[in-house]
Amino acid sequence: MKKFIKDYIELRKAGNEFYKKHWFGCIIYTMLCFVIIFSQPIYSIIKDKISEHKNKNIDTSEEEP
């Protein structure tokens, strides 16, 4: 178990070095993943709002003589 803990600590040190060197790229990567994951639901909401607004305008323009 002691060897496992020592190996794990060494592994974490290597991981921390990677993040220290590439911190900006990790932030950009995280933001890109966030945008890709959440773009579809946001796009659907915006599309629905636009279609509702268009339908509302079409309905009001038909009522006027």
C-alpha atoms as a PDB file:
ATOM      1  CA  MET A   1       0.000   0.000   0.000  1.00  0.00           C
ATOM      2  CA  LYS A   2       2.913   2.352   0.722  1.00  0.00           C
ATOM      3  CA  LYS A   3       4.266   1.790  -2.781  1.00  0.00           C
ATOM      4  CA  PHE A   4       0.881   2.603  -4.230  1.00  0.00           C
ATOM      5  CA  ILE A   5       0.727   5.885  -2.317  1.00  0.00           C
ATOM      6  CA  LYS A   6       4.263   6.833  -3.398  1.00  0.00           C
ATOM      7  CA  ASP A   7       3.494   5.998  -7.024  1.00  0.00           C
ATOM      8  CA  TYR A   8       0.242   7.927  -6.858  1.00  0.00           C
ATOM      9  CA  ILE A   9       2.007  11.003  -5.451  1.00  0.00           C
ATOM     10  CA  GLU A  10       4.561  10.838  -8.281  1.00  0.00           C
ATOM     11  CA  LEU A  11       1.759  10.530 -10.804  1.00  0.00           C
ATOM     12  CA  ARG A  12      -0.030  13.588  -9.374  1.00  0.00           C
ATOM     13  CA  LYS A  13       3.208  15.593  -9.502  1.00  0.00           C
ATOM     14  CA  ALA A  14       3.562  14.772 -13.198  1.00  0.00           C
ATOM     15  CA  GLY A  15      -0.045  15.778 -13.783  1.00  0.00           C
ATOM     16  CA  ASN A  16       0.455  19.049 -11.938  1.00  0.00           C
ATOM     17  CA  GLU A  17       3.509  19.823 -14.054  1.00  0.00           C
ATOM     18  CA  PHE A  18       1.440  19.301 -17.197  1.00  0.00           C
ATOM     19  CA  TYR A  19      -1.229  21.722 -15.980  1.00  0.00           C
ATOM     20  CA  LYS A  20       1.387  24.287 -14.954  1.00  0.00           C
ATOM     21  CA  LYS A  21       2.875  24.224 -18.457  1.00  0.00           C
ATOM     22  CA  HIS A  22      -0.399  24.068 -20.394  1.00  0.00           C
ATOM     23  CA  TRP A  23      -2.865  25.955 -18.179  1.00  0.00           C
ATOM     24  CA  PHE A  24      -4.128  28.256 -20.934  1.00  0.00           C
ATOM     25  CA  GLY A  25      -4.736  25.375 -23.347  1.00  0.00           C
ATOM     26  CA  CYS A  26      -6.643  23.495 -20.642  1.00  0.00           C
ATOM     27  CA  ILE A  27      -8.905  26.509 -20.097  1.00  0.00           C
ATOM     28  CA  ILE A  28      -9.558  26.857 -23.831  1.00  0.00           C
ATOM     29  CA  TYR A  29     -10.249  23.119 -24.119  1.00  0.00           C
ATOM     30  CA  THR A  30     -12.692  23.231 -21.210  1.00  0.00           C
ATOM     31  CA  MET A  31     -14.510  26.232 -22.690  1.00  0.00           C
ATOM     32  CA  LEU A  32     -14.708  24.538 -26.083  1.00  0.00           C
ATOM     33  CA  CYS A  33     -16.190  21.379 -24.564  1.00  0.00           C
ATOM     34  CA  PHE A  34     -18.696  23.475 -22.621  1.00  0.00           C
ATOM     35  CA  VAL A  35     -19.788  25.291 -25.785  1.00  0.00           C
ATOM     36  CA  ILE A  36     -20.115  22.066 -27.780  1.00  0.00           C
ATOM     37  CA  ILE A  37     -22.137  20.343 -25.059  1.00  0.00           C
ATOM     38  CA  PHE A  38     -24.497  23.238 -24.337  1.00  0.00           C
ATOM     39  CA  SER A  39     -24.806  24.811 -27.797  1.00  0.00           C
ATOM     40  CA  GLN A  40     -27.567  22.485 -28.998  1.00  0.00           C
ATOM     41  CA  PRO A  41     -30.024  23.144 -26.127  1.00  0.00           C
ATOM     42  CA  ILE A  42     -29.346  26.882 -26.274  1.00  0.00           C
ATOM     43  CA  TYR A  43     -29.794  26.880 -30.046  1.00  0.00           C
ATOM     44  CA  SER A  44     -33.125  25.055 -29.674  1.00  0.00           C
ATOM     45  CA  ILE A  45     -34.368  27.577 -27.111  1.00  0.00           C
ATOM     46  CA  ILE A  46     -33.391  30.528 -29.300  1.00  0.00           C
ATOM     47  CA  LYS A  47     -34.913  28.912 -32.387  1.00  0.00           C
ATOM     48  CA  ASP A  48     -38.200  28.329 -30.539  1.00  0.00           C
ATOM     49  CA  LYS A  49     -38.305  31.928 -29.320  1.00  0.00           C
ATOM     50  CA  ILE A  50     -37.695  33.262 -32.841  1.00  0.00           C
ATOM     51  CA  SER A  51     -40.375  31.030 -34.349  1.00  0.00           C
ATOM     52  CA  GLU A  52     -42.841  32.111 -31.628  1.00  0.00           C
ATOM     53  CA  HIS A  53     -42.057  35.750 -32.353  1.00  0.00           C
ATOM     54  CA  LYS A  54     -42.521  35.238 -36.105  1.00  0.00           C
ATOM     55  CA  ASN A  55     -45.822  33.428 -35.582  1.00  0.00           C
ATOM     56  CA  LYS A  56     -46.994  36.209 -33.283  1.00  0.00           C
ATOM     57  CA  ASN A  57     -46.172  38.818 -35.942  1.00  0.00           C
ATOM     58  CA  ILE A  58     -47.895  36.816 -38.661  1.00  0.00           C
ATOM     59  CA  ASP A  59     -51.028  36.400 -36.513  1.00  0.00           C
ATOM     60  CA  THR A  60     -51.233  40.123 -35.709  1.00  0.00           C
ATOM     61  CA  SER A  61     -50.685  41.186 -39.312  1.00  0.00           C
ATOM     62  CA  GLU A  62     -53.520  38.944 -40.526  1.00  0.00           C
ATOM     63  CA  GLU A  63     -56.017  40.545 -38.124  1.00  0.00           C
ATOM     64  CA  GLU A  64     -55.465  44.086 -39.436  1.00  0.00           C
ATOM     65  CA  PRO A  65     -57.653  45.135 -42.408  1.00  0.00           C
END
